[in-house]
Protein backbone atom coordinates (compact mmCIF):
# COMPACT_ATOMS: atom_id res chain seq x y z
CA GLN A 1 173.17 182.84 69.07
CA LEU A 2 171.11 184.75 66.57
CA GLN A 3 167.97 186.21 68.10
CA LEU A 4 164.93 187.24 66.07
CA VAL A 5 162.28 189.79 66.97
CA GLU A 6 159.09 190.12 64.97
CA SER A 7 157.05 193.30 64.80
CA GLY A 8 154.24 194.84 62.80
CA GLY A 9 151.33 192.67 63.81
CA GLY A 10 147.97 194.00 64.90
CA LEU A 11 144.23 193.99 64.47
CA VAL A 12 143.09 194.90 60.97
CA GLN A 13 140.03 194.55 58.78
CA ALA A 14 139.82 192.16 55.88
CA GLY A 15 141.17 193.48 52.64
CA VAL A 16 143.89 195.72 54.02
CA SER A 17 147.66 195.28 53.94
CA LEU A 18 150.17 194.77 56.71
CA ARG A 19 153.95 194.46 56.73
CA LEU A 20 155.74 192.35 59.27
CA SER A 21 159.39 192.84 60.13
CA CYS A 22 161.89 190.42 61.59
CA THR A 23 164.99 192.03 63.01
CA ALA A 24 167.95 189.84 63.88
CA SER A 25 170.56 190.44 66.57
CA GLY A 26 173.32 189.87 64.04
CA SER A 27 174.04 189.32 60.38
CA ILE A 28 171.51 187.27 58.41
CA ASN A 29 173.72 186.99 55.34
CA MET A 30 174.32 183.28 55.81
CA TYR A 31 170.73 182.39 56.70
CA ALA A 32 167.71 181.45 54.70
CA MET A 33 164.85 183.41 56.25
CA GLY A 34 161.25 182.35 56.55
CA TRP A 35 157.85 183.11 57.97
CA SER A 36 155.48 180.63 59.55
CA ARG A 37 152.01 181.01 61.01
CA GLN A 38 150.07 179.29 63.75
CA ALA A 39 146.36 179.82 63.44
CA PRO A 40 144.07 179.26 66.45
CA GLY A 41 143.66 175.55 67.09
CA LYS A 42 145.98 174.57 64.25
CA GLN A 43 149.55 173.48 63.84
CA ARG A 44 152.25 175.90 62.87
CA GLU A 45 152.76 176.00 59.11
CA PRO A 46 155.48 177.54 56.95
CA LEU A 47 154.25 180.31 54.65
CA ALA A 48 157.20 181.76 52.81
CA SER A 49 160.94 181.49 52.57
CA ILE A 50 163.80 183.37 50.97
CA THR A 51 167.23 181.90 50.35
CA ARG A 52 170.55 183.62 50.91
CA GLY A 53 170.60 184.35 47.21
CA GLY A 54 167.09 185.81 47.17
CA GLY A 55 165.12 182.85 45.82
CA LYS A 56 161.56 182.85 47.14
CA ASP A 57 158.96 180.21 47.77
CA TYR A 58 155.40 180.39 49.07
CA VAL A 59 152.68 178.08 50.24
CA ASP A 60 149.69 178.08 47.90
CA THR A 61 147.38 179.81 50.40
CA VAL A 62 149.45 183.02 50.38
CA ARG A 63 151.09 182.97 46.96
CA GLY A 64 150.15 186.12 45.06
CA ARG A 65 149.10 187.97 48.22
CA PHE A 66 152.19 187.80 50.44
CA THR A 67 155.74 188.83 49.53
CA ILE A 68 158.83 187.92 51.49
CA SER A 69 161.96 190.04 51.24
CA ARG A 70 165.20 190.68 53.05
CA ASP A 71 167.57 193.55 53.69
CA ASN A 72 170.86 192.09 54.77
CA ALA A 73 172.29 195.53 55.51
CA LYS A 74 169.58 196.01 58.13
CA ASN A 75 169.63 192.39 59.37
CA THR A 76 165.92 192.34 58.68
CA ALA A 77 163.44 190.20 56.81
CA TYR A 78 159.94 191.29 55.86
CA LEU A 79 156.59 189.82 55.02
CA GLN A 80 154.31 192.11 53.03
CA MET A 81 150.76 190.85 53.37
CA ASN A 82 148.08 192.17 51.01
CA SER A 83 144.37 191.43 50.71
CA LEU A 84 144.27 189.99 54.20
CA LYS A 85 141.53 187.51 55.02
CA PRO A 86 140.08 186.42 58.38
CA GLU A 87 141.73 183.04 57.86
CA ASP A 88 145.10 184.79 57.91
CA THR A 89 144.61 185.33 61.64
CA GLY A 90 147.33 183.80 63.77
CA VAL A 91 150.72 184.24 65.34
CA TYR A 92 153.40 184.89 62.77
CA TYR A 93 156.91 183.63 63.43
CA CYS A 94 160.18 184.48 61.75
CA THR A 95 162.81 181.80 61.18
CA ALA A 96 166.49 181.81 60.28
CA ASP A 97 168.05 178.64 58.89
CA ALA A 98 171.79 178.33 58.43
CA GLY A 99 171.36 174.93 56.80
CA GLY A 100 173.14 171.68 57.46
CA THR A 101 172.87 170.46 61.06
CA ALA A 102 172.39 173.94 62.52
CA LEU A 103 169.27 174.54 64.56
CA VAL A 104 166.65 176.75 62.98
CA ARG A 105 166.23 179.98 64.95
CA TRP A 106 162.72 181.15 65.81
CA GLY A 107 161.37 184.46 66.99
CA ARG A 108 158.67 184.75 69.63
CA GLY A 109 156.02 185.73 67.14
CA THR A 110 153.68 188.61 66.48
CA GLN A 111 149.89 188.39 66.54
CA VAL A 112 147.89 189.23 63.44
CA THR A 113 144.12 189.36 63.74
CA VAL A 114 141.98 189.99 60.67
CA SER A 115 138.35 190.87 61.30
CA PRO A 116 135.63 190.29 58.68
């Protein structure tokens, strides 16, 4: 089974940038990759996704500030986060979706805390 490990989280001040990485235990070529966030006291929500072919989609709250990308050669997906806001605070999870009836794979998450 594909395993995902997120990294790059931390405590930062508002306005700065941060890049998250999601490294898979195997090839991600056949997976759509995504990032979700769970803010304190809220449900987990999808933020961004990238298809196998490189098509990208974003939720309105991060569009224009966050950029998702993938490097299949490194089995890694990224989330570049710019102009961070306190409301971006939460645990960020990476997902890998093979489509069809396959289960979506989730990482364990990385904490991002944005101070005012």
